C-alpha atoms as a PDB file:
ATOM      1  CA  MET A   1      29.330  10.275 -12.945  1.00  0.00           C
ATOM      2  CA  PRO A   2      29.289  12.732 -15.344  1.00  0.00           C
ATOM      3  CA  ALA A   3      27.194  15.516 -16.077  1.00  0.00           C
ATOM      4  CA  GLN A   4      23.934  15.414 -18.137  1.00  0.00           C
ATOM      5  CA  LYS A   5      24.264  17.670 -21.771  1.00  0.00           C
ATOM      6  CA  PRO A   6      21.780  20.258 -21.799  1.00  0.00           C
ATOM      7  CA  ILE A   7      19.110  20.070 -23.339  1.00  0.00           C
ATOM      8  CA  ARG A   8      18.802  21.850 -26.596  1.00  0.00           C
ATOM      9  CA  LEU A   9      15.637  23.601 -27.329  1.00  0.00           C
ATOM     10  CA  ALA A  10      13.930  25.756 -29.526  1.00  0.00           C
ATOM     11  CA  PHE A  11      10.957  28.524 -28.589  1.00  0.00           C
ATOM     12  CA  ILE A  12       8.131  28.215 -30.586  1.00  0.00           C
ATOM     13  CA  GLY A  13       6.158  31.588 -29.993  1.00  0.00           C
ATOM     14  CA  ALA A  14       7.869  34.673 -28.328  1.00  0.00           C
ATOM     15  CA  GLY A  15       5.197  36.449 -26.920  1.00  0.00           C
ATOM     16  CA  ILE A  16       3.778  37.747 -23.304  1.00  0.00           C
ATOM     17  CA  PHE A  17       3.670  34.333 -21.257  1.00  0.00           C
ATOM     18  CA  ALA A  18       6.963  32.760 -23.296  1.00  0.00           C
ATOM     19  CA  ARG A  19       8.713  35.859 -22.380  1.00  0.00           C
ATOM     20  CA  ASP A  20       7.155  36.451 -19.047  1.00  0.00           C
ATOM     21  CA  GLY A  21       6.389  32.990 -17.437  1.00  0.00           C
ATOM     22  CA  HIS A  22       8.634  30.733 -20.156  1.00  0.00           C
ATOM     23  CA  LEU A  23      11.600  31.874 -20.336  1.00  0.00           C
ATOM     24  CA  PRO A  24      12.521  33.165 -16.922  1.00  0.00           C
ATOM     25  CA  ALA A  25      11.603  28.914 -14.910  1.00  0.00           C
ATOM     26  CA  ILE A  26      13.963  27.942 -17.759  1.00  0.00           C
ATOM     27  CA  GLN A  27      16.509  30.302 -17.532  1.00  0.00           C
ATOM     28  CA  SER A  28      16.089  29.194 -13.439  1.00  0.00           C
ATOM     29  CA  LEU A  29      16.859  25.371 -14.666  1.00  0.00           C
ATOM     30  CA  ALA A  30      20.355  26.043 -15.798  1.00  0.00           C
ATOM     31  CA  PRO A  31      22.340  23.957 -16.980  1.00  0.00           C
ATOM     32  CA  ALA A  32      19.072  21.139 -17.770  1.00  0.00           C
ATOM     33  CA  TYR A  33      18.486  23.785 -20.554  1.00  0.00           C
ATOM     34  CA  GLN A  34      19.984  25.653 -24.176  1.00  0.00           C
ATOM     35  CA  ILE A  35      18.085  27.932 -25.752  1.00  0.00           C
ATOM     36  CA  VAL A  36      19.120  27.646 -29.611  1.00  0.00           C
ATOM     37  CA  ALA A  37      16.540  28.725 -31.259  1.00  0.00           C
ATOM     38  CA  VAL A  38      13.002  31.032 -31.624  1.00  0.00           C
ATOM     39  CA  TYR A  39      10.370  31.081 -34.204  1.00  0.00           C
ATOM     40  CA  SER A  40       7.800  33.553 -34.712  1.00  0.00           C
ATOM     41  CA  GLN A  41       5.764  34.607 -37.516  1.00  0.00           C
ATOM     42  CA  SER A  42       7.549  38.176 -37.170  1.00  0.00           C
ATOM     43  CA  GLN A  43      11.281  38.582 -37.703  1.00  0.00           C
ATOM     44  CA  ALA A  44      11.110  41.264 -34.812  1.00  0.00           C
ATOM     45  CA  THR A  45       9.383  39.915 -32.014  1.00  0.00           C
ATOM     46  CA  ALA A  46      12.143  36.785 -32.568  1.00  0.00           C
ATOM     47  CA  SER A  47      14.486  38.931 -33.295  1.00  0.00           C
ATOM     48  CA  ALA A  48      13.823  41.153 -29.459  1.00  0.00           C
ATOM     49  CA  PHE A  49      12.554  37.293 -27.416  1.00  0.00           C
ATOM     50  CA  ALA A  50      16.380  36.300 -28.844  1.00  0.00           C
ATOM     51  CA  SER A  51      18.513  39.479 -27.488  1.00  0.00           C
ATOM     52  CA  LEU A  52      16.985  38.569 -23.805  1.00  0.00           C
ATOM     53  CA  LEU A  53      19.628  35.279 -23.738  1.00  0.00           C
ATOM     54  CA  PRO A  54      23.317  35.187 -23.574  1.00  0.00           C
ATOM     55  CA  GLY A  55      24.976  34.083 -26.588  1.00  0.00           C
ATOM     56  CA  THR A  56      23.846  33.241 -30.406  1.00  0.00           C
ATOM     57  CA  VAL A  57      20.390  32.162 -30.537  1.00  0.00           C
ATOM     58  CA  ASP A  58      19.095  31.546 -34.295  1.00  0.00           C
ATOM     59  CA  THR A  59      15.534  33.270 -35.186  1.00  0.00           C
ATOM     60  CA  TYR A  60      12.824  31.847 -37.679  1.00  0.00           C
ATOM     61  CA  THR A  61       9.536  33.388 -39.228  1.00  0.00           C
ATOM     62  CA  ASP A  62       9.756  29.767 -41.284  1.00  0.00           C
ATOM     63  CA  LEU A  63       9.096  27.173 -38.881  1.00  0.00           C
ATOM     64  CA  SER A  64       9.905  23.361 -41.080  1.00  0.00           C
ATOM     65  CA  ALA A  65      13.877  24.958 -41.326  1.00  0.00           C
ATOM     66  CA  LEU A  66      13.389  24.933 -37.475  1.00  0.00           C
ATOM     67  CA  LEU A  67      11.980  21.622 -36.834  1.00  0.00           C
ATOM     68  CA  ALA A  68      13.967  20.131 -39.878  1.00  0.00           C
ATOM     69  CA  ARG A  69      17.676  20.846 -37.649  1.00  0.00           C
ATOM     70  CA  PRO A  70      18.458  17.685 -35.980  1.00  0.00           C
ATOM     71  CA  ASP A  71      20.139  19.064 -33.262  1.00  0.00           C
ATOM     72  CA  ILE A  72      16.932  20.427 -30.798  1.00  0.00           C
ATOM     73  CA  GLU A  73      16.122  18.358 -29.093  1.00  0.00           C
ATOM     74  CA  ALA A  74      13.332  19.880 -27.871  1.00  0.00           C
ATOM     75  CA  VAL A  75      10.473  22.561 -28.541  1.00  0.00           C
ATOM     76  CA  ASP A  76       8.570  24.726 -25.986  1.00  0.00           C
ATOM     77  CA  ILE A  77       5.524  25.591 -27.551  1.00  0.00           C
ATOM     78  CA  LEU A  78       3.190  28.837 -26.631  1.00  0.00           C
ATOM     79  CA  LEU A  79       0.858  30.154 -29.565  1.00  0.00           C
ATOM     80  CA  PRO A  80      -3.101  30.601 -29.726  1.00  0.00           C
ATOM     81  CA  ILE A  81      -5.328  27.867 -29.593  1.00  0.00           C
ATOM     82  CA  ASP A  82      -6.952  27.913 -32.354  1.00  0.00           C
ATOM     83  CA  VAL A  83      -3.558  27.245 -34.790  1.00  0.00           C
ATOM     84  CA  MET A  84      -0.883  25.361 -31.354  1.00  0.00           C
ATOM     85  CA  PRO A  85      -2.586  21.041 -32.507  1.00  0.00           C
ATOM     86  CA  ALA A  86      -1.389  21.612 -35.800  1.00  0.00           C
ATOM     87  CA  VAL A  87       1.957  23.170 -34.749  1.00  0.00           C
ATOM     88  CA  VAL A  88       2.588  20.608 -31.661  1.00  0.00           C
ATOM     89  CA  GLN A  89       1.114  17.685 -34.346  1.00  0.00           C
ATOM     90  CA  GLN A  90       4.422  18.958 -36.792  1.00  0.00           C
ATOM     91  CA  ALA A  91       6.979  19.183 -33.739  1.00  0.00           C
ATOM     92  CA  LEU A  92       6.055  15.429 -32.628  1.00  0.00           C
ATOM     93  CA  ARG A  93       6.417  14.519 -36.123  1.00  0.00           C
ATOM     94  CA  ALA A  94       9.483  15.741 -36.596  1.00  0.00           C
ATOM     95  CA  GLY A  95      11.085  13.837 -33.641  1.00  0.00           C
ATOM     96  CA  LYS A  96      10.823  16.752 -31.239  1.00  0.00           C
ATOM     97  CA  HIS A  97      10.036  16.346 -27.291  1.00  0.00           C
ATOM     98  CA  VAL A  98       7.602  18.933 -27.074  1.00  0.00           C
ATOM     99  CA  VAL A  99       6.189  20.807 -24.140  1.00  0.00           C
ATOM    100  CA  SER A 100       3.317  23.212 -25.543  1.00  0.00           C
ATOM    101  CA  GLU A 101       1.293  25.174 -23.640  1.00  0.00           C
ATOM    102  CA  LYS A 102      -2.283  24.523 -22.066  1.00  0.00           C
ATOM    103  CA  PRO A 103      -4.996  23.779 -23.068  1.00  0.00           C
ATOM    104  CA  VAL A 104      -3.668  20.760 -25.021  1.00  0.00           C
ATOM    105  CA  ALA A 105      -7.005  21.709 -28.036  1.00  0.00           C
ATOM    106  CA  PRO A 106      -9.305  23.761 -28.366  1.00  0.00           C
ATOM    107  CA  ASP A 107     -11.958  21.141 -28.046  1.00  0.00           C
ATOM    108  CA  VAL A 108     -12.584  17.228 -27.107  1.00  0.00           C
ATOM    109  CA  ALA A 109     -12.372  16.036 -31.007  1.00  0.00           C
ATOM    110  CA  THR A 110      -9.331  17.794 -32.211  1.00  0.00           C
ATOM    111  CA  GLY A 111      -7.412  16.604 -28.934  1.00  0.00           C
ATOM    112  CA  ARG A 112      -8.171  13.208 -29.827  1.00  0.00           C
ATOM    113  CA  ALA A 113      -6.611  13.266 -32.975  1.00  0.00           C
ATOM    114  CA  LEU A 114      -3.844  14.612 -31.924  1.00  0.00           C
ATOM    115  CA  LEU A 115      -2.927  11.463 -29.062  1.00  0.00           C
ATOM    116  CA  GLY A 116      -2.052   8.987 -31.404  1.00  0.00           C
ATOM    117  CA  VAL A 117       1.013  11.540 -33.223  1.00  0.00           C
ATOM    118  CA  LYS A 118       3.505  11.021 -30.126  1.00  0.00           C
ATOM    119  CA  ALA A 119       6.264   8.082 -30.898  1.00  0.00           C
ATOM    120  CA  ALA A 120       6.865   5.756 -27.885  1.00  0.00           C
ATOM    121  CA  LYS A 121      10.714   7.348 -27.099  1.00  0.00           C
ATOM    122  CA  GLN A 122       8.966  10.838 -27.371  1.00  0.00           C
ATOM    123  CA  VAL A 123       8.197  13.048 -24.687  1.00  0.00           C
ATOM    124  CA  TRP A 124       4.932  15.013 -24.868  1.00  0.00           C
ATOM    125  CA  MET A 125       3.652  18.082 -22.043  1.00  0.00           C
ATOM    126  CA  VAL A 126       1.167  20.104 -21.410  1.00  0.00           C
ATOM    127  CA  ALA A 127       2.188  22.523 -19.525  1.00  0.00           C
ATOM    128  CA  GLU A 128      -0.499  22.542 -16.701  1.00  0.00           C
ATOM    129  CA  ASN A 129       1.174  24.599 -14.113  1.00  0.00           C
ATOM    130  CA  TYR A 130      -1.875  24.546 -11.722  1.00  0.00           C
ATOM    131  CA  ARG A 131      -0.079  20.498 -11.426  1.00  0.00           C
ATOM    132  CA  TYR A 132       2.783  21.321 -10.091  1.00  0.00           C
ATOM    133  CA  GLU A 133       1.587  24.039  -7.434  1.00  0.00           C
ATOM    134  CA  SER A 134       2.746  23.615  -3.425  1.00  0.00           C
ATOM    135  CA  ALA A 135      -0.446  24.916  -2.059  1.00  0.00           C
ATOM    136  CA  PHE A 136      -3.188  22.293  -4.760  1.00  0.00           C
ATOM    137  CA  ILE A 137      -0.796  19.803  -4.102  1.00  0.00           C
ATOM    138  CA  GLN A 138      -0.086  19.693  -0.442  1.00  0.00           C
ATOM    139  CA  ALA A 139      -4.447  19.419  -0.714  1.00  0.00           C
ATOM    140  CA  GLY A 140      -4.550  16.871  -3.029  1.00  0.00           C
ATOM    141  CA  GLU A 141      -2.650  14.680  -0.040  1.00  0.00           C
ATOM    142  CA  ILE A 142      -4.538  15.863   3.040  1.00  0.00           C
ATOM    143  CA  VAL A 143      -7.570  14.880   1.169  1.00  0.00           C
ATOM    144  CA  LYS A 144      -6.335  10.988   0.410  1.00  0.00           C
ATOM    145  CA  ARG A 145      -5.345  10.878   3.708  1.00  0.00           C
ATOM    146  CA  GLY A 146      -8.771  10.867   4.589  1.00  0.00           C
ATOM    147  CA  GLU A 147      -7.761  14.161   6.889  1.00  0.00           C
ATOM    148  CA  LEU A 148     -11.023  16.060   6.086  1.00  0.00           C
ATOM    149  CA  GLY A 149     -13.002  12.493   6.422  1.00  0.00           C
ATOM    150  CA  ARG A 150     -16.193  12.013   4.181  1.00  0.00           C
ATOM    151  CA  LEU A 151     -16.650  15.454   1.891  1.00  0.00           C
ATOM    152  CA  LEU A 152     -18.948  17.698   1.594  1.00  0.00           C
ATOM    153  CA  LEU A 153     -18.940  20.292  -0.255  1.00  0.00           C
ATOM    154  CA  CYS A 154     -16.410  22.548  -2.169  1.00  0.00           C
ATOM    155  CA  HIS A 155     -17.106  26.048  -4.272  1.00  0.00           C
ATOM    156  CA  TRP A 156     -14.744  27.897  -6.045  1.00  0.00           C
ATOM    157  CA  ALA A 157     -15.097  31.697  -6.958  1.00  0.00           C
ATOM    158  CA  ALA A 158     -12.464  33.405  -9.122  1.00  0.00           C
ATOM    159  CA  HIS A 159     -12.324  36.922 -10.332  1.00  0.00           C
ATOM    160  CA  VAL A 160     -10.139  37.666 -13.031  1.00  0.00           C
ATOM    161  CA  GLY A 161     -10.408  41.008 -14.736  1.00  0.00           C
ATOM    162  CA  MET A 162      -9.406  41.330 -18.362  1.00  0.00           C
ATOM    163  CA  THR A 163      -9.731  44.841 -18.388  1.00  0.00           C
ATOM    164  CA  PRO A 164      -7.223  46.813 -20.871  1.00  0.00           C
ATOM    165  CA  GLY A 165      -4.347  47.284 -18.233  1.00  0.00           C
ATOM    166  CA  ASN A 166      -4.421  43.658 -17.697  1.00  0.00           C
ATOM    167  CA  LYS A 167      -1.112  42.061 -20.151  1.00  0.00           C
ATOM    168  CA  TYR A 168      -3.437  39.185 -21.612  1.00  0.00           C
ATOM    169  CA  TYR A 169      -5.680  41.699 -23.362  1.00  0.00           C
ATOM    170  CA  PRO A 170      -3.833  43.144 -26.282  1.00  0.00           C
ATOM    171  CA  SER A 171      -3.958  39.676 -27.342  1.00  0.00           C
ATOM    172  CA  LEU A 172      -6.566  39.928 -29.529  1.00  0.00           C
ATOM    173  CA  TRP A 173      -6.876  36.106 -30.230  1.00  0.00           C
ATOM    174  CA  ARG A 174      -7.929  35.471 -26.926  1.00  0.00           C
ATOM    175  CA  ARG A 175     -11.223  37.067 -27.288  1.00  0.00           C
ATOM    176  CA  SER A 176     -11.174  37.137 -31.318  1.00  0.00           C
ATOM    177  CA  ASN A 177     -14.394  34.161 -31.462  1.00  0.00           C
ATOM    178  CA  ARG A 178     -12.148  31.374 -32.808  1.00  0.00           C
ATOM    179  CA  PHE A 179     -12.663  28.805 -30.279  1.00  0.00           C
ATOM    180  CA  PRO A 180     -15.423  27.553 -27.652  1.00  0.00           C
ATOM    181  CA  GLY A 181     -15.429  29.646 -24.448  1.00  0.00           C
ATOM    182  CA  GLY A 182     -13.042  32.134 -25.005  1.00  0.00           C
ATOM    183  CA  TYR A 183     -11.214  33.308 -21.783  1.00  0.00           C
ATOM    184  CA  LEU A 184     -13.068  30.537 -19.738  1.00  0.00           C
ATOM    185  CA  LEU A 185     -11.736  27.945 -21.886  1.00  0.00           C
ATOM    186  CA  ASP A 186      -8.411  29.684 -21.643  1.00  0.00           C
ATOM    187  CA  GLY A 187      -8.441  30.195 -17.939  1.00  0.00           C
ATOM    188  CA  GLY A 188     -11.514  27.106 -17.173  1.00  0.00           C
ATOM    189  CA  VAL A 189      -8.734  24.429 -17.723  1.00  0.00           C
ATOM    190  CA  HIS A 190      -6.790  25.776 -15.105  1.00  0.00           C
ATOM    191  CA  TYR A 191      -9.312  25.136 -12.406  1.00  0.00           C
ATOM    192  CA  VAL A 192     -10.680  22.253 -13.574  1.00  0.00           C
ATOM    193  CA  ALA A 193      -6.849  20.929 -13.220  1.00  0.00           C
ATOM    194  CA  ALA A 194      -6.705  21.857  -9.408  1.00  0.00           C
ATOM    195  CA  LEU A 195     -10.260  20.584  -8.896  1.00  0.00           C
ATOM    196  CA  ARG A 196      -9.349  17.374 -10.323  1.00  0.00           C
ATOM    197  CA  LEU A 197      -5.962  17.022  -8.686  1.00  0.00           C
ATOM    198  CA  VAL A 198      -7.473  18.004  -5.224  1.00  0.00           C
ATOM    199  CA  LEU A 199     -10.624  15.688  -5.378  1.00  0.00           C
ATOM    200  CA  GLY A 200     -10.764  13.504  -8.468  1.00  0.00           C
ATOM    201  CA  GLU A 201     -12.732  12.905 -11.828  1.00  0.00           C
ATOM    202  CA  ILE A 202     -16.293  15.088 -12.610  1.00  0.00           C
ATOM    203  CA  ASP A 203     -18.660  13.151 -13.735  1.00  0.00           C
ATOM    204  CA  ARG A 204     -21.323  15.500 -14.274  1.00  0.00           C
ATOM    205  CA  VAL A 205     -22.067  19.313 -14.787  1.00  0.00           C
ATOM    206  CA  THR A 206     -24.858  21.955 -14.974  1.00  0.00           C
ATOM    207  CA  ALA A 207     -23.930  25.062 -15.831  1.00  0.00           C
ATOM    208  CA  MET A 208     -25.034  28.927 -16.842  1.00  0.00           C
ATOM    209  CA  THR A 209     -22.537  31.593 -18.648  1.00  0.00           C
ATOM    210  CA  ALA A 210     -23.164  34.633 -20.071  1.00  0.00           C
ATOM    211  CA  GLN A 211     -20.924  37.652 -22.267  1.00  0.00           C
ATOM    212  CA  MET A 212     -21.672  40.998 -19.757  1.00  0.00           C
ATOM    213  CA  ARG A 213     -18.758  42.419 -21.692  1.00  0.00           C
ATOM    214  CA  ASP A 214     -19.220  43.306 -25.864  1.00  0.00           C
ATOM    215  CA  ASP A 215     -15.228  42.808 -25.743  1.00  0.00           C
ATOM    216  CA  LEU A 216     -14.873  39.777 -24.432  1.00  0.00           C
ATOM    217  CA  PRO A 217     -17.130  36.705 -26.403  1.00  0.00           C
ATOM    218  CA  PRO A 218     -18.309  34.265 -26.879  1.00  0.00           C
ATOM    219  CA  ALA A 219     -19.058  34.792 -22.463  1.00  0.00           C
ATOM    220  CA  ASP A 220     -17.135  36.050 -19.468  1.00  0.00           C
ATOM    221  CA  THR A 221     -19.113  34.346 -17.288  1.00  0.00           C
ATOM    222  CA  LEU A 222     -19.865  30.895 -15.690  1.00  0.00           C
ATOM    223  CA  SER A 223     -21.524  29.207 -13.264  1.00  0.00           C
ATOM    224  CA  ALA A 224     -21.106  25.710 -12.907  1.00  0.00           C
ATOM    225  CA  THR A 225     -22.442  23.089 -10.356  1.00  0.00           C
ATOM    226  CA  LEU A 226     -19.915  20.301 -10.403  1.00  0.00           C
ATOM    227  CA  HIS A 227     -20.854  16.383  -8.576  1.00  0.00           C
ATOM    228  CA  PHE A 228     -17.248  13.939  -8.429  1.00  0.00           C
ATOM    229  CA  ASP A 229     -17.248  10.774  -8.718  1.00  0.00           C
ATOM    230  CA  GLY A 230     -17.396  10.004  -4.701  1.00  0.00           C
ATOM    231  CA  GLY A 231     -19.914  11.770  -4.374  1.00  0.00           C
ATOM    232  CA  LEU A 232     -18.957  15.482  -3.702  1.00  0.00           C
ATOM    233  CA  ILE A 233     -20.685  17.968  -5.010  1.00  0.00           C
ATOM    234  CA  GLY A 234     -19.787  21.872  -5.594  1.00  0.00           C
ATOM    235  CA  THR A 235     -19.748  25.128  -7.931  1.00  0.00           C
ATOM    236  CA  LEU A 236     -17.369  26.711  -9.574  1.00  0.00           C
ATOM    237  CA  GLY A 237     -17.784  30.261 -10.489  1.00  0.00           C
ATOM    238  CA  VAL A 238     -15.706  32.215 -13.213  1.00  0.00           C
ATOM    239  CA  THR A 239     -16.078  35.989 -14.405  1.00  0.00           C
ATOM    240  CA  HIS A 240     -13.399  37.577 -17.311  1.00  0.00           C
ATOM    241  CA  ALA A 241     -15.877  40.824 -17.079  1.00  0.00           C
ATOM    242  CA  GLY A 242     -14.456  42.613 -13.687  1.00  0.00           C
ATOM    243  CA  THR A 243     -12.010  41.841 -10.814  1.00  0.00           C
ATOM    244  CA  ALA A 244     -13.081  41.919  -6.958  1.00  0.00           C
ATOM    245  CA  PRO A 245      -9.992  42.558  -3.792  1.00  0.00           C
ATOM    246  CA  TRP A 246     -10.590  38.893  -2.528  1.00  0.00           C
ATOM    247  CA  PRO A 247      -7.910  36.295  -3.756  1.00  0.00           C
ATOM    248  CA  PRO A 248      -9.813  33.083  -5.551  1.00  0.00           C
ATOM    249  CA  ALA A 249      -9.852  29.899  -2.946  1.00  0.00           C
ATOM    250  CA  LEU A 250     -10.929  26.980  -3.702  1.00  0.00           C
ATOM    251  CA  ARG A 251     -12.806  25.982  -0.410  1.00  0.00           C
ATOM    252  CA  ILE A 252     -13.356  22.669   0.809  1.00  0.00           C
ATOM    253  CA  VAL A 253     -15.880  20.902   3.338  1.00  0.00           C
ATOM    254  CA  GLY A 254     -15.887  17.903   4.981  1.00  0.00           C
ATOM    255  CA  GLU A 255     -17.148  15.932   7.947  1.00  0.00           C
ATOM    256  CA  ARG A 256     -13.968  16.554  10.359  1.00  0.00           C
ATOM    257  CA  GLY A 257     -12.563  19.744   9.387  1.00  0.00           C
ATOM    258  CA  ALA A 258     -12.354  22.367   6.342  1.00  0.00           C
ATOM    259  CA  ILE A 259      -9.907  23.344   3.735  1.00  0.00           C
ATOM    260  CA  SER A 260      -8.848  26.627   1.994  1.00  0.00           C
ATOM    261  CA  VAL A 261      -6.635  26.486  -1.225  1.00  0.00           C
ATOM    262  CA  TYR A 262      -4.777  29.445  -2.559  1.00  0.00           C
ATOM    263  CA  ARG A 263      -1.346  29.312  -4.627  1.00  0.00           C
ATOM    264  CA  GLU A 264      -0.131  30.798  -2.515  1.00  0.00           C
ATOM    265  CA  GLU A 265      -1.731  29.157   1.305  1.00  0.00           C
ATOM    266  CA  LEU A 266      -2.959  26.586   2.572  1.00  0.00           C
ATOM    267  CA  GLU A 267      -5.537  26.660   5.329  1.00  0.00           C
ATOM    268  CA  VAL A 268      -6.803  23.596   7.233  1.00  0.00           C
ATOM    269  CA  THR A 269      -8.767  23.690   9.958  1.00  0.00           C
ATOM    270  CA  CYS A 270      -9.834  19.490  12.081  1.00  0.00           C
ATOM    271  CA  GLY A 271     -10.848  19.360  15.465  1.00  0.00           C
ATOM    272  CA  GLY A 272     -10.709  22.937  16.284  1.00  0.00           C
ATOM    273  CA  GLU A 273      -7.860  23.754  15.469  1.00  0.00           C
ATOM    274  CA  THR A 274      -6.613  26.360  12.200  1.00  0.00           C
ATOM    275  CA  ARG A 275      -2.558  25.365  10.716  1.00  0.00           C
ATOM    276  CA  ARG A 276      -1.557  28.071   7.741  1.00  0.00           C
ATOM    277  CA  GLN A 277       1.530  27.062   4.961  1.00  0.00           C
ATOM    278  CA  SER A 278       2.713  29.273   2.701  1.00  0.00           C
ATOM    279  CA  PHE A 279       3.770  28.430  -0.569  1.00  0.00           C
ATOM    280  CA  ALA A 280       5.333  29.836  -3.693  1.00  0.00           C
ATOM    281  CA  ARG A 281       4.884  29.876  -6.542  1.00  0.00           C
ATOM    282  CA  GLY A 282       7.319  27.396  -8.704  1.00  0.00           C
ATOM    283  CA  GLY A 283       4.490  25.663 -11.068  1.00  0.00           C
ATOM    284  CA  ILE A 284       5.773  26.161 -13.636  1.00  0.00           C
ATOM    285  CA  GLN A 285       9.672  25.670 -13.086  1.00  0.00           C
ATOM    286  CA  GLY A 286       8.416  22.605 -11.477  1.00  0.00           C
ATOM    287  CA  GLU A 287       6.635  21.495 -14.957  1.00  0.00           C
ATOM    288  CA  LEU A 288       9.493  22.422 -16.878  1.00  0.00           C
ATOM    289  CA  ALA A 289      12.008  20.810 -14.520  1.00  0.00           C
ATOM    290  CA  ALA A 290      10.138  17.595 -14.986  1.00  0.00           C
ATOM    291  CA  PHE A 291       9.697  18.122 -18.730  1.00  0.00           C
ATOM    292  CA  ALA A 292      13.713  18.084 -18.423  1.00  0.00           C
ATOM    293  CA  ALA A 293      13.188  14.397 -15.687  1.00  0.00           C
ATOM    294  CA  ALA A 294      11.151  12.934 -18.359  1.00  0.00           C
ATOM    295  CA  ILE A 295      13.726  13.121 -21.476  1.00  0.00           C
ATOM    296  CA  ARG A 296      16.597  12.416 -19.526  1.00  0.00           C
ATOM    297  CA  GLU A 297      15.712  10.255 -17.167  1.00  0.00           C
ATOM    298  CA  GLY A 298      12.213   8.939 -18.834  1.00  0.00           C
ATOM    299  CA  ALA A 299      10.762  10.676 -15.474  1.00  0.00           C
ATOM    300  CA  PRO A 300       6.504   9.781 -15.295  1.00  0.00           C
ATOM    301  CA  HIS A 301       4.992  13.962 -14.854  1.00  0.00           C
ATOM    302  CA  ARG A 302       1.595  15.113 -14.454  1.00  0.00           C
ATOM    303  CA  ASN A 303       1.173  16.549 -17.800  1.00  0.00           C
ATOM    304  CA  THR A 304       0.482  14.234 -19.954  1.00  0.00           C
ATOM    305  CA  PRO A 305      -1.701  15.009 -23.037  1.00  0.00           C
ATOM    306  CA  GLU A 306      -3.977  12.958 -21.666  1.00  0.00           C
ATOM    307  CA  GLU A 307      -4.911  14.722 -18.201  1.00  0.00           C
ATOM    308  CA  ALA A 308      -5.107  17.886 -20.213  1.00  0.00           C
ATOM    309  CA  LEU A 309      -7.583  16.662 -21.991  1.00  0.00           C
ATOM    310  CA  GLN A 310      -9.491  15.302 -19.443  1.00  0.00           C
ATOM    311  CA  ASP A 311      -9.315  19.243 -18.708  1.00  0.00           C
ATOM    312  CA  VAL A 312     -11.192  20.627 -22.049  1.00  0.00           C
ATOM    313  CA  SER A 313     -13.572  17.956 -21.641  1.00  0.00           C
ATOM    314  CA  VAL A 314     -15.117  19.200 -18.444  1.00  0.00           C
ATOM    315  CA  VAL A 315     -14.690  22.630 -19.709  1.00  0.00           C
ATOM    316  CA  GLU A 316     -16.769  21.406 -22.858  1.00  0.00           C
ATOM    317  CA  ALA A 317     -19.009  19.878 -20.805  1.00  0.00           C
ATOM    318  CA  ILE A 318     -19.638  22.793 -18.581  1.00  0.00           C
ATOM    319  CA  LEU A 319     -20.091  24.864 -22.016  1.00  0.00           C
ATOM    320  CA  GLN A 320     -22.600  22.513 -23.657  1.00  0.00           C
ATOM    321  CA  ALA A 321     -24.419  22.478 -20.292  1.00  0.00           C
ATOM    322  CA  ALA A 322     -24.664  25.555 -20.554  1.00  0.00           C
ATOM    323  CA  ASP A 323     -26.452  25.735 -23.836  1.00  0.00           C
ATOM    324  CA  SER A 324     -28.666  23.082 -23.924  1.00  0.00           C
ATOM    325  CA  GLY A 325     -29.747  23.801 -19.865  1.00  0.00           C
ATOM    326  CA  ARG A 326     -29.347  20.030 -18.962  1.00  0.00           C
ATOM    327  CA  ALA A 327     -26.982  18.149 -16.844  1.00  0.00           C
ATOM    328  CA  VAL A 328     -23.815  16.378 -19.013  1.00  0.00           C
ATOM    329  CA  SER A 329     -21.055  13.991 -18.199  1.00  0.00           C
ATOM    330  CA  PRO A 330     -17.901  15.087 -20.203  1.00  0.00           C
ATOM    331  CA  GLU A 331     -16.488  12.294 -22.007  1.00  0.00           C
ATOM    332  CA  ARG A 332     -13.505  10.805 -20.129  1.00  0.00           C
ATOM    333  CA  ILE A 333     -10.451  10.472 -21.678  1.00  0.00           C
ATOM    334  CA  VAL A 334      -8.517   9.694 -18.459  1.00  0.00           C
ATOM    335  CA  ARG A 335     -10.319   7.163 -16.512  1.00  0.00           C
END
């Protein structure tokens, strides 16, 4: 069988996560991709990114000119949350396959307006790497097999301090207060995606949020209670105002056992015995490999825009519950 041609890919956005996350993952998947162009508002940024690549990579500060090129099959969009939906729409209307970073949109209404833009043969993936992390996938399989019995309680506490020492802190758009939730949306969709992958749909939430630091608007800390379709209840606590020495673990307790899920480790206790399994982080590489397979082979993938919008819907419900002081049911996109 002849080898498939590399997918001719352009980067739209050349910031930190493009450089440190997507670029090395795509390079590790050679020869599935050939990066041929990069767009940034800044010519200096586009040129700096292009210098990391072998061969000739064209640089653009005119997005329409890049999208007009018929030889570019797919684009990888990594832009601020509030401007990304319009660019995704522009790329889809230009006939490109699209992988765009999470969240799919800053709110459900904006995301819903995008769902009908994709043509039948186009691939649009929203890059939620937690859905491709092996530890979460394995935990979901354990739950589905019924190894833990009836599920009773889950809880997840994450302390991810966005201090000036964090490489994402200088990205002013993340703390610009231009979209709901700030870091709580930007990071929150990760936790929601993993919870839904492992435990199923969340049908009701209550919550409190707070802004503990003046430089992290509109809120940097949340405590939410979650009710799942199957009757499981749990909590999600997140703060970006400070850090802690404990790795964030999703813990799930059932009638016959319990598991702790880290991104790089899974600990399962059943029948008085505990087993542990370690994993390498590979979610970004996994999702981009799935993107290539979807384009070339029509293979299904986990990161549909509908799944991504359901993640946003849960975070939106948490923020609404905190504002109202009442329980809120997330709008259902995935049924």
